[in-house]
């Protein structure tokens, strides 16, 4: 599909959460600990519910880490 003329790029604003996430380093350490815990859960044949809770905790920690990285490296609109 060809597109002529200038292109308009629409970009949704970044939704940033303030505070309470922890530092990038502390979140990385939390993810490391959760992954180690997951390996232990698998080794001990933990219940599906325990594995799912751990999976959700890892996912939330990864989301928090991504927000912390954005806050660290992408200038806020208010800083301009």
C-alpha atoms as a PDB file:
ATOM      1  CA  UNK A   1       0.000   0.000   0.000  1.00  0.00           C
ATOM      2  CA  UNK A   2       1.639   3.240  -1.130  1.00  0.00           C
ATOM      3  CA  UNK A   3       1.441   6.363   0.919  1.00  0.00           C
ATOM      4  CA  UNK A   4       2.082   9.753  -0.658  1.00  0.00           C
ATOM      5  CA  UNK A   5       3.012  13.092   0.809  1.00  0.00           C
ATOM      6  CA  UNK A   6       4.119  13.640   4.358  1.00  0.00           C
ATOM      7  CA  UNK A   7       3.379  11.147   7.054  1.00  0.00           C
ATOM      8  CA  UNK A   8       1.851  12.118  10.343  1.00  0.00           C
ATOM      9  CA  UNK A   9       3.077  10.091  13.283  1.00  0.00           C
ATOM     10  CA  UNK A  10       0.649   9.867  16.132  1.00  0.00           C
ATOM     11  CA  UNK A  11       2.218   9.035  19.406  1.00  0.00           C
ATOM     12  CA  UNK A  12       0.281   8.381  22.568  1.00  0.00           C
ATOM     13  CA  UNK A  13       1.606  10.270  25.575  1.00  0.00           C
ATOM     14  CA  UNK A  14       3.690   8.254  27.988  1.00  0.00           C
ATOM     15  CA  UNK A  15       1.779   7.380  31.085  1.00  0.00           C
ATOM     16  CA  UNK A  16       4.161   7.720  33.966  1.00  0.00           C
ATOM     17  CA  UNK A  17       3.652   6.564  37.462  1.00  0.00           C
ATOM     18  CA  UNK A  18       5.231   8.617  40.165  1.00  0.00           C
ATOM     19  CA  UNK A  19       7.206   7.262  43.074  1.00  0.00           C
ATOM     20  CA  UNK A  20       6.801   3.985  44.871  1.00  0.00           C
ATOM     21  CA  UNK A  21       8.328   1.889  42.107  1.00  0.00           C
ATOM     22  CA  UNK A  22      11.760   1.601  43.602  1.00  0.00           C
ATOM     23  CA  UNK A  23      15.028   2.163  41.875  1.00  0.00           C
ATOM     24  CA  UNK A  24      16.036   0.414  38.687  1.00  0.00           C
ATOM     25  CA  UNK A  25      18.639  -1.496  40.654  1.00  0.00           C
ATOM     26  CA  UNK A  26      16.236  -2.579  43.404  1.00  0.00           C
ATOM     27  CA  UNK A  27      13.686  -3.712  40.831  1.00  0.00           C
ATOM     28  CA  UNK A  28      16.328  -5.716  38.964  1.00  0.00           C
ATOM     29  CA  UNK A  29      17.281  -7.376  42.261  1.00  0.00           C
ATOM     30  CA  UNK A  30      13.604  -8.131  42.944  1.00  0.00           C
ATOM     31  CA  UNK A  31      13.198  -9.764  39.535  1.00  0.00           C
ATOM     32  CA  UNK A  32      16.349 -11.815  40.138  1.00  0.00           C
ATOM     33  CA  UNK A  33      14.969 -12.972  43.510  1.00  0.00           C
ATOM     34  CA  UNK A  34      11.586 -13.827  41.997  1.00  0.00           C
ATOM     35  CA  UNK A  35      13.217 -15.870  39.218  1.00  0.00           C
ATOM     36  CA  UNK A  36      15.313 -17.765  41.770  1.00  0.00           C
ATOM     37  CA  UNK A  37      12.131 -18.373  43.784  1.00  0.00           C
ATOM     38  CA  UNK A  38      10.406 -19.635  40.621  1.00  0.00           C
ATOM     39  CA  UNK A  39      13.213 -22.096  39.973  1.00  0.00           C
ATOM     40  CA  UNK A  40      12.847 -23.344  43.554  1.00  0.00           C
ATOM     41  CA  UNK A  41       9.074 -23.621  43.137  1.00  0.00           C
ATOM     42  CA  UNK A  42       9.570 -25.734  40.023  1.00  0.00           C
ATOM     43  CA  UNK A  43      12.240 -27.846  41.700  1.00  0.00           C
ATOM     44  CA  UNK A  44       9.905 -28.615  44.610  1.00  0.00           C
ATOM     45  CA  UNK A  45       6.893 -29.257  42.345  1.00  0.00           C
ATOM     46  CA  UNK A  46       4.899 -26.356  43.776  1.00  0.00           C
ATOM     47  CA  UNK A  47       1.218 -25.970  43.081  1.00  0.00           C
ATOM     48  CA  UNK A  48      -0.059 -24.322  39.930  1.00  0.00           C
ATOM     49  CA  UNK A  49      -1.464 -21.520  42.102  1.00  0.00           C
ATOM     50  CA  UNK A  50       1.961 -20.795  43.635  1.00  0.00           C
ATOM     51  CA  UNK A  51       3.621 -20.791  40.221  1.00  0.00           C
ATOM     52  CA  UNK A  52       0.941 -18.479  38.845  1.00  0.00           C
ATOM     53  CA  UNK A  53       1.312 -16.063  41.768  1.00  0.00           C
ATOM     54  CA  UNK A  54       5.068 -15.995  41.169  1.00  0.00           C
ATOM     55  CA  UNK A  55       4.553 -15.462  37.425  1.00  0.00           C
ATOM     56  CA  UNK A  56       2.285 -12.506  38.103  1.00  0.00           C
ATOM     57  CA  UNK A  57       4.797 -11.070  40.597  1.00  0.00           C
ATOM     58  CA  UNK A  58       7.566 -11.333  37.980  1.00  0.00           C
ATOM     59  CA  UNK A  59       5.371  -9.659  35.369  1.00  0.00           C
ATOM     60  CA  UNK A  60       4.481  -6.798  37.723  1.00  0.00           C
ATOM     61  CA  UNK A  61       8.125  -6.313  38.682  1.00  0.00           C
ATOM     62  CA  UNK A  62       9.075  -6.204  34.994  1.00  0.00           C
ATOM     63  CA  UNK A  63       6.370  -3.615  34.335  1.00  0.00           C
ATOM     64  CA  UNK A  64       7.593  -1.541  37.287  1.00  0.00           C
ATOM     65  CA  UNK A  65      11.151  -1.821  35.956  1.00  0.00           C
ATOM     66  CA  UNK A  66      10.095  -0.594  32.529  1.00  0.00           C
ATOM     67  CA  UNK A  67       8.393   2.433  34.097  1.00  0.00           C
ATOM     68  CA  UNK A  68      11.449   3.128  36.264  1.00  0.00           C
ATOM     69  CA  UNK A  69      13.698   2.981  33.194  1.00  0.00           C
ATOM     70  CA  UNK A  70      11.415   5.346  31.302  1.00  0.00           C
ATOM     71  CA  UNK A  71      11.422   7.745  34.243  1.00  0.00           C
ATOM     72  CA  UNK A  72      15.205   7.581  34.390  1.00  0.00           C
ATOM     73  CA  UNK A  73      16.044   7.967  30.712  1.00  0.00           C
ATOM     74  CA  UNK A  74      13.165   9.784  29.010  1.00  0.00           C
ATOM     75  CA  UNK A  75      12.925  13.443  29.920  1.00  0.00           C
ATOM     76  CA  UNK A  76       9.562  14.451  31.274  1.00  0.00           C
ATOM     77  CA  UNK A  77       7.536  17.086  29.477  1.00  0.00           C
ATOM     78  CA  UNK A  78       7.707  19.265  32.597  1.00  0.00           C
ATOM     79  CA  UNK A  79      11.517  19.295  32.530  1.00  0.00           C
ATOM     80  CA  UNK A  80      11.585  21.102  29.186  1.00  0.00           C
END
